[in-house]
Amino acid sequence: MIASLVAELGPWSWWIAGLVLLAAELIAPGFFLVWIGLAALVVGILSLLFWDSSFWFWQVQAILFALLAVVATFIGRKLTLRHGETDQPFLNQRAESLVGRTATLAEPIREGRGRIRLDDTVWRVSGPDLPIGTKVKVVASSGRDLTVEAA
């Protein structure tokens, strides 16, 4: 099947595959198919150059594509990890972003458990027993639970 498809479309089969993979990247999240699509486009460029050569049969093209896809993925991963730092380190980690803030107890802390209201959310807290209305400071976060101490 692959041999007939490559033979029918000629060197353009790799261009089509590369463009389809790049288009799929627009639909599927992850920034992964870009590197595989680029590998297919490189094999397409080489196919335009070597199409009539005796060594350029479909198995060589497939192996070269696989190798280029792996290499391009590793290089792309290194590039994206190096530039992946953000100015918002607690994005999507809301509880961790609350450490250091102060709030007033909405419910007293009894037997180590209580509740505070921060912004528009009521949070479960643990800490020393304190009466309602006490100012507390968030000192740690564990999942959705916050640890507080008297401010």
Protein backbone atom coordinates (compact mmCIF):
# COMPACT_ATOMS: atom_id res chain seq x y z
CA MET A 1 0.00 0.00 0.00
CA ILE A 2 2.77 2.44 0.91
CA ALA A 3 4.76 1.49 -2.16
CA SER A 4 1.81 2.08 -4.47
CA LEU A 5 0.97 5.40 -2.83
CA VAL A 6 4.56 6.63 -3.09
CA ALA A 7 4.84 5.39 -6.68
CA GLU A 8 1.54 7.03 -7.68
CA LEU A 9 2.16 10.43 -6.11
CA GLY A 10 5.90 10.47 -6.66
CA PRO A 11 8.00 12.83 -4.57
CA TRP A 12 4.89 14.84 -3.75
CA SER A 13 3.63 12.11 -1.43
CA TRP A 14 6.02 13.33 1.27
CA TRP A 15 4.97 16.93 0.74
CA ILE A 16 1.33 15.94 1.14
CA ALA A 17 2.12 13.89 4.26
CA GLY A 18 4.11 16.78 5.74
CA LEU A 19 1.37 19.32 5.07
CA VAL A 20 -1.29 16.98 6.48
CA LEU A 21 0.77 16.55 9.66
CA LEU A 22 1.28 20.30 9.98
CA ALA A 23 -2.45 20.85 9.50
CA ALA A 24 -3.20 18.16 12.09
CA GLU A 25 -1.03 20.11 14.54
CA LEU A 26 -3.45 23.01 14.21
CA ILE A 27 -6.30 20.72 15.28
CA ALA A 28 -4.54 18.54 17.87
CA PRO A 29 -2.85 20.29 20.78
CA GLY A 30 0.63 19.45 21.95
CA PHE A 31 3.17 20.95 19.54
CA PHE A 32 4.37 17.46 18.58
CA LEU A 33 3.23 16.84 15.03
CA VAL A 34 5.17 19.88 13.82
CA TRP A 35 8.45 18.00 14.11
CA ILE A 36 7.15 14.91 12.35
CA GLY A 37 5.64 17.10 9.62
CA LEU A 38 8.97 18.86 9.15
CA ALA A 39 10.70 15.48 8.83
CA ALA A 40 8.24 14.53 6.08
CA LEU A 41 8.91 17.82 4.27
CA VAL A 42 12.67 17.21 4.43
CA VAL A 43 12.17 13.76 2.92
CA GLY A 44 9.98 15.48 0.30
CA ILE A 45 12.80 17.86 -0.60
CA LEU A 46 15.24 14.96 -0.85
CA SER A 47 12.72 13.05 -2.97
CA LEU A 48 12.58 15.90 -5.46
CA LEU A 49 16.37 15.72 -5.74
CA PHE A 50 16.85 11.93 -5.81
CA TRP A 51 13.56 10.59 -7.24
CA ASP A 52 15.12 9.01 -10.32
CA SER A 53 18.12 7.59 -8.44
CA SER A 54 18.38 3.83 -8.15
CA PHE A 55 18.95 3.89 -4.37
CA TRP A 56 15.88 6.02 -3.59
CA PHE A 57 13.23 3.31 -3.17
CA TRP A 58 10.37 3.62 -0.70
CA GLN A 59 12.04 1.65 2.09
CA VAL A 60 14.98 4.09 2.17
CA GLN A 61 12.53 6.98 2.26
CA ALA A 62 10.55 5.43 5.13
CA ILE A 63 13.68 4.72 7.19
CA LEU A 64 15.01 8.22 6.57
CA PHE A 65 11.64 9.69 7.56
CA ALA A 66 11.58 7.68 10.80
CA LEU A 67 15.11 8.76 11.70
CA LEU A 68 14.45 12.40 10.87
CA ALA A 69 11.20 12.35 12.84
CA VAL A 70 12.99 11.07 15.95
CA VAL A 71 15.85 13.56 15.59
CA ALA A 72 13.50 16.47 14.89
CA THR A 73 11.33 15.54 17.88
CA PHE A 74 14.33 15.47 20.23
CA ILE A 75 15.66 18.77 18.90
CA GLY A 76 12.20 20.34 19.11
CA ARG A 77 11.75 19.10 22.67
CA LYS A 78 15.05 20.65 23.72
CA LEU A 79 14.11 23.94 22.06
CA THR A 80 10.68 24.10 23.67
CA LEU A 81 11.90 23.10 27.13
CA ARG A 82 14.58 25.78 27.09
CA HIS A 83 12.06 28.46 26.13
CA GLY A 84 9.25 27.03 28.25
CA GLU A 85 9.87 29.23 31.27
CA THR A 86 6.96 31.45 32.15
CA ASP A 87 6.44 34.69 34.02
CA GLN A 88 3.51 33.01 35.82
CA PRO A 89 5.01 29.96 37.56
CA PHE A 90 1.77 29.22 39.49
CA LEU A 91 -0.51 29.25 36.44
CA ASN A 92 -3.03 26.41 36.91
CA GLN A 93 -1.70 25.90 40.46
CA ARG A 94 -4.09 28.18 42.27
CA ALA A 95 -3.57 26.79 45.77
CA GLU A 96 0.22 27.21 45.53
CA SER A 97 -0.25 30.83 44.46
CA LEU A 98 -2.08 31.56 47.73
CA VAL A 99 0.92 30.82 49.97
CA GLY A 100 1.90 34.00 51.79
CA ARG A 101 -1.54 35.64 51.57
CA THR A 102 -3.61 36.56 54.61
CA ALA A 103 -7.31 36.01 55.12
CA THR A 104 -9.98 35.98 57.81
CA LEU A 105 -11.41 32.71 59.08
CA ALA A 106 -14.92 32.17 57.70
CA GLU A 107 -15.37 29.18 60.03
CA PRO A 108 -13.39 28.53 63.21
CA ILE A 109 -10.58 26.02 63.14
CA ARG A 110 -11.66 23.13 65.38
CA GLU A 111 -9.67 19.96 65.78
CA GLY A 112 -7.25 21.33 63.21
CA ARG A 113 -9.81 21.96 60.41
CA GLY A 114 -11.62 25.13 59.31
CA ARG A 115 -12.39 27.36 56.32
CA ILE A 116 -11.27 30.71 54.94
CA ARG A 117 -12.55 32.84 52.09
CA LEU A 118 -9.97 34.09 49.61
CA ASP A 119 -11.18 36.05 46.60
CA ASP A 120 -14.28 34.18 45.42
CA THR A 121 -13.50 30.75 46.87
CA VAL A 122 -13.91 29.10 50.25
CA TRP A 123 -10.86 26.98 51.07
CA ARG A 124 -10.42 24.19 53.61
CA VAL A 125 -7.59 24.95 55.98
CA SER A 126 -5.68 23.13 58.65
CA GLY A 127 -3.82 24.66 61.53
CA PRO A 128 -4.05 25.44 65.22
CA ASP A 129 -7.54 25.88 66.71
CA LEU A 130 -8.59 29.52 66.24
CA PRO A 131 -11.95 31.36 66.56
CA ILE A 132 -13.96 32.72 63.63
CA GLY A 133 -12.79 36.12 62.38
CA THR A 134 -9.12 35.53 63.21
CA LYS A 135 -6.59 36.80 60.66
CA VAL A 136 -4.50 33.91 59.34
CA LYS A 137 -1.61 33.58 56.92
CA VAL A 138 -1.38 30.75 54.38
CA VAL A 139 1.96 29.01 54.96
CA ALA A 140 1.63 25.89 52.78
CA SER A 141 -0.56 24.16 50.23
CA SER A 142 -1.29 20.49 49.63
CA GLY A 143 -3.72 19.89 46.80
CA ARG A 144 -6.84 21.85 47.69
CA ASP A 145 -6.02 22.07 51.40
CA LEU A 146 -4.17 25.04 52.80
CA THR A 147 -2.14 25.18 56.00
CA VAL A 148 -2.47 28.38 57.98
CA GLU A 149 -1.12 30.03 61.11
CA ALA A 150 -2.28 33.08 63.04
CA ALA A 151 -1.15 36.26 61.32
